[in-house]
């Protein structure tokens, strides 16, 4: 929904210490950075790119050829986006795989037990978790947190923010809005260059 620039800005300015997501966020972010598309649809005008349906897999293959996301940034191949900013700022990211993943990317942890352990390590000592438009990851992360850690769940679907609380995360605060708008406004409020 256009949230990548806002999140990238927050990462660049030091407001994000770790990104936990599935393979899809990274693939979509990298496709947008490399080709200006999302599943083959041009982000600039919403029109279908000719042969754009291939861009998703092209993005994955480009990262494999580079040796991974970090190497793609270091080589200059990947020069913008959320994961570019993570590498530039030294922000840890953990990508948890699923059965539905395209690719997946080299960094994606496909063993669920290992992914859960990596999430748990990354969450150790956090004070605030921002969950953005991903119900299953939000519920999973909420269930891994101690009750004193504040969790803010942002989703356009009111059922998602309710489910996060109902599934055992009583400390969750729900914000029903478009994630892209939320991130833009948050970045604009916290920084001067959003």
Protein backbone atom coordinates (compact mmCIF):
# COMPACT_ATOMS: atom_id res chain seq x y z
CA UNK A 1 0.00 0.00 0.00
CA UNK A 2 2.96 2.31 -0.38
CA UNK A 3 4.37 1.78 3.10
CA UNK A 4 7.92 0.95 2.00
CA UNK A 5 9.22 4.55 1.80
CA UNK A 6 7.91 5.34 5.30
CA UNK A 7 9.38 2.19 6.83
CA UNK A 8 12.67 2.73 4.98
CA UNK A 9 12.79 6.27 6.38
CA UNK A 10 12.20 5.02 9.93
CA UNK A 11 14.99 2.47 9.52
CA UNK A 12 17.37 5.08 8.07
CA UNK A 13 16.75 7.37 11.06
CA UNK A 14 17.35 4.68 13.67
CA UNK A 15 13.78 4.11 14.83
CA UNK A 16 13.81 0.40 13.90
CA UNK A 17 16.18 -2.09 15.53
CA UNK A 18 14.94 -5.28 13.86
CA UNK A 19 12.59 -6.35 11.06
CA UNK A 20 10.77 -9.68 11.39
CA UNK A 21 8.78 -10.78 8.37
CA UNK A 22 8.05 -13.48 5.90
CA UNK A 23 9.81 -14.02 2.60
CA UNK A 24 7.08 -12.09 0.76
CA UNK A 25 7.88 -8.66 2.22
CA UNK A 26 11.50 -8.94 1.15
CA UNK A 27 10.64 -10.24 -2.33
CA UNK A 28 8.05 -7.49 -2.93
CA UNK A 29 10.45 -4.85 -1.62
CA UNK A 30 13.28 -6.08 -3.83
CA UNK A 31 11.04 -6.38 -6.90
CA UNK A 32 9.92 -2.78 -6.35
CA UNK A 33 13.51 -1.59 -5.95
CA UNK A 34 14.85 -3.45 -8.99
CA UNK A 35 11.94 -3.19 -11.42
CA UNK A 36 9.50 -0.61 -10.06
CA UNK A 37 6.74 -3.22 -9.97
CA UNK A 38 4.74 -5.29 -7.52
CA UNK A 39 3.76 -8.67 -8.96
CA UNK A 40 4.31 -7.09 -12.36
CA UNK A 41 2.13 -4.03 -11.79
CA UNK A 42 3.99 -0.73 -12.22
CA UNK A 43 4.04 1.21 -8.97
CA UNK A 44 4.20 4.56 -10.78
CA UNK A 45 0.86 4.24 -12.58
CA UNK A 46 -0.81 0.96 -11.57
CA UNK A 47 -0.59 -0.51 -15.06
CA UNK A 48 0.57 -4.00 -15.93
CA UNK A 49 4.20 -4.14 -17.08
CA UNK A 50 4.72 -6.23 -20.21
CA UNK A 51 6.09 -9.59 -19.02
CA UNK A 52 6.00 -8.06 -15.53
CA UNK A 53 4.55 -11.22 -14.05
CA UNK A 54 8.11 -12.57 -14.23
CA UNK A 55 9.61 -9.76 -12.14
CA UNK A 56 8.88 -11.47 -8.84
CA UNK A 57 11.01 -14.48 -9.78
CA UNK A 58 13.57 -12.25 -11.53
CA UNK A 59 14.05 -10.38 -8.27
CA UNK A 60 14.63 -13.62 -6.35
CA UNK A 61 17.08 -14.85 -8.98
CA UNK A 62 18.97 -11.53 -8.93
CA UNK A 63 19.46 -11.84 -5.17
CA UNK A 64 20.63 -15.44 -5.55
CA UNK A 65 23.13 -14.39 -8.24
CA UNK A 66 24.43 -11.65 -5.94
CA UNK A 67 24.82 -14.15 -3.08
CA UNK A 68 22.14 -12.66 -0.82
CA UNK A 69 20.53 -9.39 0.16
CA UNK A 70 23.62 -7.96 1.88
CA UNK A 71 25.80 -8.77 -1.12
CA UNK A 72 23.22 -7.22 -3.47
CA UNK A 73 23.42 -3.98 -1.47
CA UNK A 74 27.21 -4.05 -1.26
CA UNK A 75 27.53 -4.64 -5.02
CA UNK A 76 25.19 -1.74 -5.80
CA UNK A 77 22.53 -3.99 -7.33
CA UNK A 78 20.02 -3.19 -4.59
CA UNK A 79 20.05 0.57 -4.00
CA UNK A 80 16.73 1.37 -2.32
CA UNK A 81 13.95 -0.08 -0.23
CA UNK A 82 13.37 -1.53 3.21
CA UNK A 83 16.04 -4.21 3.07
CA UNK A 84 18.57 -1.86 1.47
CA UNK A 85 18.08 0.45 4.46
CA UNK A 86 18.37 -2.50 6.88
CA UNK A 87 21.76 -3.44 5.43
CA UNK A 88 22.96 0.18 5.30
CA UNK A 89 21.92 0.82 8.93
CA UNK A 90 23.04 -2.56 10.28
CA UNK A 91 19.47 -3.42 11.26
CA UNK A 92 18.93 -7.13 11.77
CA UNK A 93 16.21 -8.81 9.75
CA UNK A 94 14.75 -12.29 10.15
CA UNK A 95 12.76 -13.79 7.29
CA UNK A 96 10.54 -16.74 8.21
CA UNK A 97 9.47 -18.98 5.37
CA UNK A 98 6.14 -20.62 4.65
CA UNK A 99 4.77 -23.29 2.34
CA UNK A 100 3.59 -20.65 -0.13
CA UNK A 101 6.89 -18.85 -0.67
CA UNK A 102 8.28 -18.06 -4.08
CA UNK A 103 11.98 -18.80 -4.08
CA UNK A 104 12.51 -18.36 -1.21
CA UNK A 105 15.31 -15.81 -0.83
CA UNK A 106 18.66 -17.12 0.46
CA UNK A 107 18.19 -15.49 3.89
CA UNK A 108 14.74 -16.97 4.44
CA UNK A 109 14.67 -19.57 7.21
CA UNK A 110 12.50 -22.40 5.92
CA UNK A 111 12.61 -24.57 9.06
CA UNK A 112 9.80 -23.24 11.28
CA UNK A 113 11.50 -24.26 14.53
CA UNK A 114 14.67 -22.41 13.51
CA UNK A 115 12.62 -19.40 12.38
CA UNK A 116 10.77 -19.30 15.70
CA UNK A 117 14.09 -19.49 17.58
CA UNK A 118 15.49 -16.65 15.45
CA UNK A 119 12.38 -14.55 16.15
CA UNK A 120 12.72 -15.25 19.90
CA UNK A 121 16.39 -14.16 19.88
CA UNK A 122 15.53 -10.99 17.97
CA UNK A 123 12.69 -10.12 20.36
CA UNK A 124 14.78 -10.51 23.50
CA UNK A 125 14.78 -7.22 25.41
CA UNK A 126 12.46 -5.26 23.10
CA UNK A 127 10.24 -2.57 24.57
CA UNK A 128 7.85 -1.95 21.68
CA UNK A 129 6.79 -4.07 18.71
CA UNK A 130 5.04 -2.62 15.68
CA UNK A 131 3.10 -5.23 13.65
CA UNK A 132 2.20 -4.04 10.18
CA UNK A 133 -0.42 -5.72 8.02
CA UNK A 134 0.40 -9.35 8.69
CA UNK A 135 -2.04 -11.26 10.86
CA UNK A 136 -0.19 -14.55 11.27
CA UNK A 137 3.18 -12.98 12.07
CA UNK A 138 1.47 -10.51 14.43
CA UNK A 139 -0.26 -13.29 16.36
CA UNK A 140 2.91 -15.38 16.48
CA UNK A 141 5.07 -12.49 17.68
CA UNK A 142 2.44 -11.42 20.21
CA UNK A 143 2.41 -14.91 21.68
CA UNK A 144 6.20 -14.81 22.08
CA UNK A 145 6.27 -11.52 24.01
CA UNK A 146 6.08 -11.00 27.76
CA UNK A 147 2.98 -9.11 28.86
CA UNK A 148 4.87 -5.89 29.66
CA UNK A 149 6.05 -5.38 26.06
CA UNK A 150 3.68 -3.06 24.20
CA UNK A 151 2.54 -4.31 20.79
CA UNK A 152 0.94 -1.98 18.26
CA UNK A 153 -0.94 -3.83 15.52
CA UNK A 154 -1.71 -1.78 12.41
CA UNK A 155 -4.00 -3.31 9.78
CA UNK A 156 -6.74 -2.14 7.43
CA UNK A 157 -8.88 -5.11 8.54
CA UNK A 158 -10.48 -4.61 11.97
CA UNK A 159 -10.73 -8.38 12.45
CA UNK A 160 -6.94 -8.64 12.45
CA UNK A 161 -6.37 -6.23 15.32
CA UNK A 162 -9.12 -7.99 17.28
CA UNK A 163 -7.63 -11.43 16.62
CA UNK A 164 -4.19 -10.36 17.84
CA UNK A 165 -5.70 -9.42 21.21
CA UNK A 166 -8.03 -12.42 21.30
CA UNK A 167 -5.18 -14.87 20.67
CA UNK A 168 -3.47 -14.07 23.95
CA UNK A 169 -1.80 -10.70 23.46
CA UNK A 170 -3.76 -8.60 25.92
CA UNK A 171 -1.26 -5.76 25.80
CA UNK A 172 -1.85 -5.20 22.07
CA UNK A 173 -3.11 -1.84 20.87
CA UNK A 174 -4.95 -1.99 17.56
CA UNK A 175 -4.88 0.73 14.92
CA UNK A 176 -7.31 0.15 12.04
CA UNK A 177 -5.93 2.06 9.07
CA UNK A 178 -3.94 1.67 5.89
CA UNK A 179 -0.38 0.62 6.77
CA UNK A 180 1.11 2.84 4.06
CA UNK A 181 -0.64 5.93 5.38
CA UNK A 182 0.28 5.05 8.96
CA UNK A 183 3.97 4.64 8.11
CA UNK A 184 4.04 7.84 6.07
CA UNK A 185 2.51 9.85 8.91
CA UNK A 186 4.73 8.20 11.54
CA UNK A 187 7.88 8.87 9.51
CA UNK A 188 6.79 12.45 8.81
CA UNK A 189 6.13 13.03 12.50
CA UNK A 190 9.44 11.53 13.68
CA UNK A 191 11.72 12.79 10.91
CA UNK A 192 12.04 15.73 8.58
CA UNK A 193 12.66 13.90 5.30
CA UNK A 194 9.60 11.66 4.96
